[in-house]
Amino acid sequence: MRFNIKFTGETAEDDDLVAVGEITLGEDWERFHAPIDYWSTRDYEQSWRIALNRLVDGEEVSCLITSMFEAKYSNFLTIWPLYRIGNQVHVQNELLFPEDLDKPFNASEPWLSVGPRETVSDDGRPISEWVVSLDEVRRFLEGRDADPKS
């Protein structure tokens, strides 16, 4: 049940202002494209550490942002909602549309825009979800990532 999130050091083929990242969730991994004209890679990484530390410190909901834009120019953000249940963290992937929120999106506290965990969509389909252990999240934060692709 490995966990890792990082930038690969690459940029998108067609845009130097988009950094390529990778998230590892158990045996699965996905690449993502993070625009770096509003947030730097360091901003993303700092946000991830804060979000993950919340879970380790006992909070039940958090989220990772992998696509952040300036609010007035953004149609959507890409986030990974995190739900801690006991010693497990349930991870989903979501496009967050700011206009659908009850209050303005706050990049300093993105978890405030995460709704309750759902496992079935409005049209009855299962929502993709990965499960990693809280211990793996803790290992990642302590710099002991066991991901062989690192």
N, C-alpha and C. Protein backbone atom coordinates (compact mmCIF):
# COMPACT_ATOMS: atom_id res chain seq x y z
N MET A 1 0.83 -1.19 0.00
CA MET A 1 0.00 0.00 0.00
C MET A 1 0.87 1.25 0.00
N ARG A 2 1.77 1.34 -0.96
CA ARG A 2 2.69 2.49 -1.03
C ARG A 2 1.95 3.79 -1.29
N PHE A 3 2.59 4.87 -0.84
CA PHE A 3 2.09 6.20 -1.13
C PHE A 3 3.26 7.10 -1.49
N ASN A 4 3.09 7.86 -2.56
CA ASN A 4 4.08 8.85 -2.94
C ASN A 4 3.41 9.88 -3.85
N ILE A 5 3.86 11.10 -3.77
CA ILE A 5 3.46 12.13 -4.72
C ILE A 5 4.68 13.01 -4.94
N LYS A 6 4.99 13.26 -6.20
CA LYS A 6 6.22 14.00 -6.51
C LYS A 6 6.15 14.59 -7.91
N PHE A 7 7.07 15.48 -8.17
CA PHE A 7 7.29 15.97 -9.53
C PHE A 7 8.43 15.17 -10.13
N THR A 8 8.32 14.90 -11.43
CA THR A 8 9.32 14.07 -12.10
C THR A 8 10.53 14.87 -12.57
N GLY A 9 10.42 16.19 -12.59
CA GLY A 9 11.48 17.03 -13.14
C GLY A 9 11.25 17.35 -14.61
N GLU A 10 10.20 16.77 -15.18
CA GLU A 10 9.86 17.02 -16.58
C GLU A 10 8.80 18.11 -16.67
N THR A 11 8.70 18.71 -17.85
CA THR A 11 7.58 19.59 -18.15
C THR A 11 6.79 18.97 -19.30
N ALA A 12 5.57 19.44 -19.49
CA ALA A 12 4.75 18.93 -20.58
C ALA A 12 5.43 19.21 -21.91
N GLU A 13 5.26 18.31 -22.86
CA GLU A 13 5.91 18.45 -24.16
C GLU A 13 5.57 19.76 -24.84
N ASP A 14 4.33 20.21 -24.67
CA ASP A 14 3.87 21.40 -25.39
C ASP A 14 3.81 22.66 -24.53
N ASP A 15 4.27 22.59 -23.26
CA ASP A 15 4.14 23.76 -22.38
C ASP A 15 5.14 23.69 -21.24
N ASP A 16 6.13 24.58 -21.26
CA ASP A 16 7.14 24.61 -20.20
C ASP A 16 6.59 25.09 -18.87
N LEU A 17 5.38 25.64 -18.86
CA LEU A 17 4.78 26.11 -17.62
C LEU A 17 3.83 25.08 -17.01
N VAL A 18 4.02 23.83 -17.41
CA VAL A 18 3.26 22.72 -16.85
C VAL A 18 4.25 21.64 -16.42
N ALA A 19 4.32 21.40 -15.11
CA ALA A 19 5.23 20.38 -14.56
C ALA A 19 4.51 19.04 -14.54
N VAL A 20 5.26 17.99 -14.83
CA VAL A 20 4.72 16.63 -14.79
C VAL A 20 4.96 16.06 -13.40
N GLY A 21 3.91 15.51 -12.82
CA GLY A 21 4.02 14.88 -11.51
C GLY A 21 3.51 13.46 -11.56
N GLU A 22 3.69 12.78 -10.45
CA GLU A 22 3.27 11.38 -10.37
C GLU A 22 2.79 11.09 -8.96
N ILE A 23 1.66 10.41 -8.87
CA ILE A 23 1.15 9.97 -7.57
C ILE A 23 1.09 8.45 -7.58
N THR A 24 1.60 7.84 -6.52
CA THR A 24 1.59 6.39 -6.36
C THR A 24 0.63 6.06 -5.22
N LEU A 25 -0.32 5.19 -5.53
CA LEU A 25 -1.32 4.78 -4.55
C LEU A 25 -1.38 3.26 -4.57
N GLY A 26 -0.70 2.63 -3.62
CA GLY A 26 -0.62 1.18 -3.62
C GLY A 26 0.19 0.72 -4.81
N GLU A 27 -0.37 -0.17 -5.60
CA GLU A 27 0.32 -0.69 -6.78
C GLU A 27 0.06 0.18 -8.01
N ASP A 28 -0.82 1.14 -7.91
CA ASP A 28 -1.18 1.99 -9.04
C ASP A 28 -0.44 3.32 -8.98
N TRP A 29 -0.21 3.89 -10.13
CA TRP A 29 0.37 5.23 -10.18
C TRP A 29 -0.19 5.95 -11.39
N GLU A 30 -0.28 7.25 -11.26
CA GLU A 30 -0.78 8.09 -12.35
C GLU A 30 0.08 9.32 -12.46
N ARG A 31 0.23 9.78 -13.67
CA ARG A 31 0.92 11.05 -13.90
C ARG A 31 -0.12 12.15 -13.95
N PHE A 32 0.30 13.35 -13.58
CA PHE A 32 -0.58 14.51 -13.67
C PHE A 32 0.22 15.70 -14.18
N HIS A 33 -0.49 16.66 -14.72
CA HIS A 33 0.12 17.90 -15.22
C HIS A 33 -0.30 19.04 -14.30
N ALA A 34 0.67 19.72 -13.73
CA ALA A 34 0.42 20.81 -12.78
C ALA A 34 0.90 22.13 -13.38
N PRO A 35 -0.01 23.06 -13.64
CA PRO A 35 0.42 24.37 -14.14
C PRO A 35 1.28 25.07 -13.09
N ILE A 36 2.39 25.66 -13.53
CA ILE A 36 3.31 26.29 -12.57
C ILE A 36 3.48 27.79 -12.84
N ASP A 37 2.49 28.39 -13.50
CA ASP A 37 2.56 29.83 -13.70
C ASP A 37 1.94 30.60 -12.52
N TYR A 38 1.04 29.98 -11.77
CA TYR A 38 0.45 30.62 -10.59
C TYR A 38 1.09 30.07 -9.31
N TRP A 39 1.18 28.76 -9.21
CA TRP A 39 1.88 28.09 -8.10
C TRP A 39 3.15 27.47 -8.65
N SER A 40 4.21 27.52 -7.88
CA SER A 40 5.46 26.83 -8.24
C SER A 40 5.38 25.38 -7.75
N THR A 41 6.31 24.56 -8.19
CA THR A 41 6.35 23.18 -7.69
C THR A 41 6.52 23.19 -6.17
N ARG A 42 7.28 24.12 -5.67
CA ARG A 42 7.47 24.22 -4.21
C ARG A 42 6.14 24.53 -3.51
N ASP A 43 5.30 25.38 -4.11
CA ASP A 43 3.99 25.69 -3.53
C ASP A 43 3.13 24.43 -3.45
N TYR A 44 3.11 23.66 -4.54
CA TYR A 44 2.35 22.40 -4.52
C TYR A 44 2.88 21.48 -3.42
N GLU A 45 4.18 21.29 -3.38
CA GLU A 45 4.78 20.37 -2.40
C GLU A 45 4.48 20.80 -0.97
N GLN A 46 4.53 22.09 -0.71
CA GLN A 46 4.21 22.58 0.63
C GLN A 46 2.75 22.30 0.96
N SER A 47 1.87 22.53 0.00
CA SER A 47 0.45 22.26 0.20
C SER A 47 0.22 20.78 0.48
N TRP A 48 0.91 19.90 -0.25
CA TRP A 48 0.76 18.46 -0.03
C TRP A 48 1.18 18.07 1.38
N ARG A 49 2.30 18.59 1.83
CA ARG A 49 2.80 18.24 3.17
C ARG A 49 1.81 18.69 4.26
N ILE A 50 1.27 19.89 4.10
CA ILE A 50 0.28 20.38 5.07
C ILE A 50 -0.95 19.47 5.06
N ALA A 51 -1.43 19.15 3.86
CA ALA A 51 -2.63 18.31 3.73
C ALA A 51 -2.41 16.93 4.33
N LEU A 52 -1.26 16.33 4.08
CA LEU A 52 -0.97 14.99 4.60
C LEU A 52 -0.74 15.01 6.10
N ASN A 53 -0.08 16.04 6.59
CA ASN A 53 0.13 16.16 8.04
C ASN A 53 -1.19 16.27 8.78
N ARG A 54 -2.19 16.88 8.17
CA ARG A 54 -3.51 16.95 8.81
C ARG A 54 -4.02 15.55 9.13
N LEU A 55 -3.87 14.64 8.18
CA LEU A 55 -4.35 13.27 8.39
C LEU A 55 -3.57 12.58 9.50
N VAL A 56 -2.26 12.71 9.45
CA VAL A 56 -1.40 12.10 10.47
C VAL A 56 -1.73 12.67 11.85
N ASP A 57 -2.10 13.94 11.90
CA ASP A 57 -2.43 14.60 13.16
C ASP A 57 -3.86 14.32 13.64
N GLY A 58 -4.61 13.50 12.89
CA GLY A 58 -5.92 13.07 13.35
C GLY A 58 -7.12 13.60 12.61
N GLU A 59 -6.93 14.52 11.67
CA GLU A 59 -8.08 15.01 10.90
C GLU A 59 -8.59 13.90 9.98
N GLU A 60 -9.87 13.95 9.66
CA GLU A 60 -10.47 12.89 8.85
C GLU A 60 -10.57 13.23 7.37
N VAL A 61 -10.47 14.52 7.03
CA VAL A 61 -10.61 14.94 5.63
C VAL A 61 -9.49 15.90 5.28
N SER A 62 -8.94 15.71 4.09
CA SER A 62 -7.93 16.62 3.57
C SER A 62 -7.96 16.50 2.05
N CYS A 63 -7.04 17.14 1.37
CA CYS A 63 -6.95 16.95 -0.08
C CYS A 63 -5.63 17.46 -0.62
N LEU A 64 -5.23 16.86 -1.72
CA LEU A 64 -4.03 17.25 -2.44
C LEU A 64 -4.46 18.01 -3.69
N ILE A 65 -3.84 19.14 -3.94
CA ILE A 65 -4.12 19.91 -5.16
C ILE A 65 -3.04 19.57 -6.17
N THR A 66 -3.45 19.18 -7.38
CA THR A 66 -2.46 18.91 -8.43
C THR A 66 -2.64 19.81 -9.65
N SER A 67 -3.60 20.71 -9.59
CA SER A 67 -3.78 21.67 -10.68
C SER A 67 -4.41 22.93 -10.10
N MET A 68 -3.57 23.95 -9.88
CA MET A 68 -4.02 25.18 -9.23
C MET A 68 -3.86 26.35 -10.19
N PHE A 69 -4.93 27.14 -10.29
CA PHE A 69 -4.92 28.33 -11.13
C PHE A 69 -5.34 29.52 -10.28
N GLU A 70 -5.04 30.71 -10.76
CA GLU A 70 -5.56 31.90 -10.10
C GLU A 70 -7.08 31.87 -10.20
N ALA A 71 -7.76 32.12 -9.09
CA ALA A 71 -9.21 31.93 -9.00
C ALA A 71 -9.99 32.61 -10.13
N LYS A 72 -9.63 33.84 -10.47
CA LYS A 72 -10.43 34.56 -11.47
C LYS A 72 -10.25 33.99 -12.88
N TYR A 73 -9.25 33.14 -13.09
CA TYR A 73 -9.02 32.54 -14.41
C TYR A 73 -9.34 31.05 -14.44
N SER A 74 -9.86 30.53 -13.37
CA SER A 74 -10.00 29.08 -13.25
C SER A 74 -11.42 28.61 -13.50
N ASN A 75 -11.56 27.63 -14.38
CA ASN A 75 -12.84 26.95 -14.55
C ASN A 75 -12.95 25.77 -13.60
N PHE A 76 -11.80 25.16 -13.31
CA PHE A 76 -11.78 24.01 -12.42
C PHE A 76 -10.39 23.83 -11.84
N LEU A 77 -10.33 23.08 -10.75
CA LEU A 77 -9.07 22.67 -10.12
C LEU A 77 -9.08 21.15 -10.07
N THR A 78 -7.91 20.54 -10.09
CA THR A 78 -7.82 19.10 -9.92
C THR A 78 -7.34 18.82 -8.51
N ILE A 79 -8.14 18.07 -7.78
CA ILE A 79 -7.78 17.73 -6.40
C ILE A 79 -7.90 16.22 -6.19
N TRP A 80 -7.26 15.77 -5.14
CA TRP A 80 -7.35 14.38 -4.70
C TRP A 80 -7.88 14.41 -3.27
N PRO A 81 -9.21 14.28 -3.08
CA PRO A 81 -9.76 14.24 -1.73
C PRO A 81 -9.20 13.04 -0.96
N LEU A 82 -8.92 13.26 0.32
CA LEU A 82 -8.35 12.24 1.19
C LEU A 82 -9.28 12.07 2.39
N TYR A 83 -9.69 10.84 2.64
CA TYR A 83 -10.58 10.55 3.76
C TYR A 83 -9.91 9.51 4.66
N ARG A 84 -9.59 9.91 5.88
CA ARG A 84 -8.97 8.97 6.82
C ARG A 84 -10.07 8.24 7.57
N ILE A 85 -10.00 6.91 7.50
CA ILE A 85 -10.93 6.06 8.24
C ILE A 85 -10.06 5.06 8.99
N GLY A 86 -9.92 5.27 10.28
CA GLY A 86 -9.03 4.44 11.08
C GLY A 86 -7.60 4.64 10.62
N ASN A 87 -6.93 3.53 10.28
CA ASN A 87 -5.54 3.59 9.82
C ASN A 87 -5.45 3.53 8.29
N GLN A 88 -6.55 3.81 7.62
CA GLN A 88 -6.55 3.80 6.16
C GLN A 88 -6.92 5.18 5.63
N VAL A 89 -6.34 5.50 4.47
CA VAL A 89 -6.67 6.75 3.79
C VAL A 89 -7.29 6.38 2.45
N HIS A 90 -8.52 6.80 2.25
CA HIS A 90 -9.23 6.57 0.99
C HIS A 90 -8.98 7.80 0.11
N VAL A 91 -8.50 7.55 -1.10
CA VAL A 91 -8.08 8.62 -2.00
C VAL A 91 -8.94 8.60 -3.26
N GLN A 92 -9.48 9.74 -3.62
CA GLN A 92 -10.25 9.87 -4.85
C GLN A 92 -9.64 10.98 -5.69
N ASN A 93 -10.06 11.06 -6.94
CA ASN A 93 -9.60 12.12 -7.84
C ASN A 93 -10.83 12.90 -8.27
N GLU A 94 -10.73 14.23 -8.28
CA GLU A 94 -11.92 15.03 -8.55
C GLU A 94 -11.57 16.32 -9.28
N LEU A 95 -12.43 16.70 -10.19
CA LEU A 95 -12.39 18.04 -10.77
C LEU A 95 -13.31 18.89 -9.91
N LEU A 96 -12.76 19.95 -9.36
CA LEU A 96 -13.52 20.84 -8.48
C LEU A 96 -13.85 22.11 -9.25
N PHE A 97 -15.13 22.41 -9.38
CA PHE A 97 -15.57 23.60 -10.10
C PHE A 97 -15.91 24.69 -9.09
N PRO A 98 -15.10 25.76 -9.03
CA PRO A 98 -15.31 26.81 -8.03
C PRO A 98 -16.72 27.39 -8.02
N GLU A 99 -17.35 27.49 -9.19
CA GLU A 99 -18.70 28.08 -9.22
C GLU A 99 -19.74 27.19 -8.54
N ASP A 100 -19.41 25.91 -8.32
CA ASP A 100 -20.34 25.00 -7.65
C ASP A 100 -20.21 25.04 -6.13
N LEU A 101 -19.23 25.77 -5.61
CA LEU A 101 -18.98 25.79 -4.17
C LEU A 101 -19.88 26.81 -3.47
N ASP A 102 -20.23 26.52 -2.23
CA ASP A 102 -21.05 27.43 -1.43
C ASP A 102 -20.29 28.69 -1.04
N LYS A 103 -18.97 28.56 -0.88
CA LYS A 103 -18.13 29.71 -0.54
C LYS A 103 -16.87 29.66 -1.38
N PRO A 104 -16.17 30.77 -1.54
CA PRO A 104 -14.97 30.80 -2.39
C PRO A 104 -13.93 29.76 -1.96
N PHE A 105 -13.27 29.19 -2.95
CA PHE A 105 -12.22 28.22 -2.70
C PHE A 105 -11.05 28.90 -2.00
N ASN A 106 -10.54 28.26 -0.96
CA ASN A 106 -9.41 28.79 -0.20
C ASN A 106 -8.23 27.84 -0.38
N ALA A 107 -7.24 28.25 -1.15
CA ALA A 107 -6.08 27.39 -1.44
C ALA A 107 -5.28 27.06 -0.18
N SER A 108 -5.39 27.89 0.85
CA SER A 108 -4.68 27.62 2.10
C SER A 108 -5.37 26.54 2.93
N GLU A 109 -6.64 26.33 2.68
CA GLU A 109 -7.42 25.30 3.37
C GLU A 109 -8.33 24.60 2.37
N PRO A 110 -7.75 23.92 1.39
CA PRO A 110 -8.57 23.34 0.32
C PRO A 110 -9.54 22.27 0.80
N TRP A 111 -9.22 21.63 1.92
CA TRP A 111 -10.07 20.58 2.47
C TRP A 111 -11.45 21.11 2.86
N LEU A 112 -11.57 22.42 3.05
CA LEU A 112 -12.87 23.00 3.37
C LEU A 112 -13.85 22.88 2.20
N SER A 113 -13.32 22.63 1.00
CA SER A 113 -14.16 22.48 -0.19
C SER A 113 -14.42 21.02 -0.55
N VAL A 114 -13.93 20.11 0.28
CA VAL A 114 -14.13 18.68 0.03
C VAL A 114 -15.42 18.24 0.71
N GLY A 115 -16.29 17.62 -0.07
CA GLY A 115 -17.55 17.13 0.49
C GLY A 115 -17.36 15.81 1.21
N PRO A 116 -18.44 15.30 1.77
CA PRO A 116 -18.37 13.99 2.42
C PRO A 116 -17.99 12.91 1.42
N ARG A 117 -17.34 11.88 1.90
CA ARG A 117 -16.93 10.77 1.03
C ARG A 117 -18.16 10.08 0.46
N GLU A 118 -18.13 9.92 -0.85
CA GLU A 118 -19.16 9.17 -1.55
C GLU A 118 -18.48 8.09 -2.36
N THR A 119 -19.11 6.97 -2.51
CA THR A 119 -18.52 5.87 -3.27
C THR A 119 -19.29 5.56 -4.55
N VAL A 120 -20.43 6.23 -4.73
CA VAL A 120 -21.25 6.05 -5.93
C VAL A 120 -21.61 7.43 -6.46
N SER A 121 -21.47 7.63 -7.78
CA SER A 121 -21.78 8.92 -8.39
C SER A 121 -23.29 9.13 -8.47
N ASP A 122 -23.69 10.34 -8.84
CA ASP A 122 -25.12 10.66 -8.97
C ASP A 122 -25.82 9.76 -9.98
N ASP A 123 -25.07 9.28 -10.99
CA ASP A 123 -25.69 8.40 -11.99
C ASP A 123 -25.52 6.92 -11.64
N GLY A 124 -25.13 6.62 -10.41
CA GLY A 124 -25.09 5.24 -9.94
C GLY A 124 -23.82 4.47 -10.21
N ARG A 125 -22.81 5.12 -10.75
CA ARG A 125 -21.54 4.43 -11.04
C ARG A 125 -20.59 4.51 -9.85
N PRO A 126 -19.78 3.47 -9.66
CA PRO A 126 -18.80 3.52 -8.56
C PRO A 126 -17.77 4.62 -8.81
N ILE A 127 -17.39 5.32 -7.76
CA ILE A 127 -16.36 6.35 -7.84
C ILE A 127 -15.02 5.67 -7.61
N SER A 128 -14.07 5.91 -8.51
CA SER A 128 -12.74 5.32 -8.37
C SER A 128 -12.13 5.76 -7.05
N GLU A 129 -11.55 4.80 -6.36
CA GLU A 129 -10.96 5.09 -5.06
C GLU A 129 -9.80 4.14 -4.81
N TRP A 130 -8.76 4.67 -4.21
CA TRP A 130 -7.59 3.90 -3.83
C TRP A 130 -7.49 3.96 -2.31
N VAL A 131 -6.91 2.94 -1.72
CA VAL A 131 -6.74 2.92 -0.26
C VAL A 131 -5.27 2.70 0.04
N VAL A 132 -4.71 3.56 0.88
CA VAL A 132 -3.33 3.41 1.36
C VAL A 132 -3.37 3.50 2.88
N SER A 133 -2.36 2.97 3.51
CA SER A 133 -2.34 3.02 4.97
C SER A 133 -1.83 4.38 5.45
N LEU A 134 -2.30 4.76 6.61
CA LEU A 134 -1.83 5.99 7.23
C LEU A 134 -0.33 5.88 7.51
N ASP A 135 0.14 4.67 7.79
CA ASP A 135 1.57 4.46 8.02
C ASP A 135 2.39 4.81 6.78
N GLU A 136 1.87 4.50 5.60
CA GLU A 136 2.58 4.84 4.35
C GLU A 136 2.62 6.35 4.16
N VAL A 137 1.55 7.02 4.50
CA VAL A 137 1.54 8.49 4.42
C VAL A 137 2.58 9.04 5.39
N ARG A 138 2.61 8.48 6.58
CA ARG A 138 3.59 8.92 7.59
C ARG A 138 5.02 8.68 7.08
N ARG A 139 5.27 7.52 6.48
CA ARG A 139 6.60 7.22 5.92
C ARG A 139 6.99 8.23 4.86
N PHE A 140 6.03 8.56 4.00
CA PHE A 140 6.29 9.56 2.97
C PHE A 140 6.71 10.88 3.60
N LEU A 141 5.98 11.32 4.60
CA LEU A 141 6.28 12.59 5.26
C LEU A 141 7.63 12.56 5.96
N GLU A 142 8.02 11.39 6.43
CA GLU A 142 9.30 11.25 7.11
C GLU A 142 10.45 11.05 6.13
N GLY A 143 10.12 11.04 4.83
CA GLY A 143 11.16 10.91 3.81
C GLY A 143 11.63 9.50 3.59
N ARG A 144 10.84 8.53 4.04
CA ARG A 144 11.23 7.13 3.88
C ARG A 144 10.36 6.46 2.82
N ASP A 145 10.20 7.12 1.71
CA ASP A 145 9.39 6.58 0.63
C ASP A 145 10.01 5.31 0.09
N ALA A 146 9.22 4.27 0.01
CA ALA A 146 9.72 2.98 -0.47
C ALA A 146 9.40 2.76 -1.94
N ASP A 147 8.98 3.80 -2.64
CA ASP A 147 8.61 3.67 -4.05
C ASP A 147 9.85 3.43 -4.89
N PRO A 148 9.96 2.27 -5.56
CA PRO A 148 11.16 1.98 -6.34
C PRO A 148 11.32 2.88 -7.56
N LYS A 149 10.27 3.60 -7.96
CA LYS A 149 10.39 4.49 -9.11
C LYS A 149 11.03 5.82 -8.74
N SER A 150 11.25 6.06 -7.44
CA SER A 150 11.84 7.34 -7.00
C SER A 150 13.28 7.44 -7.41
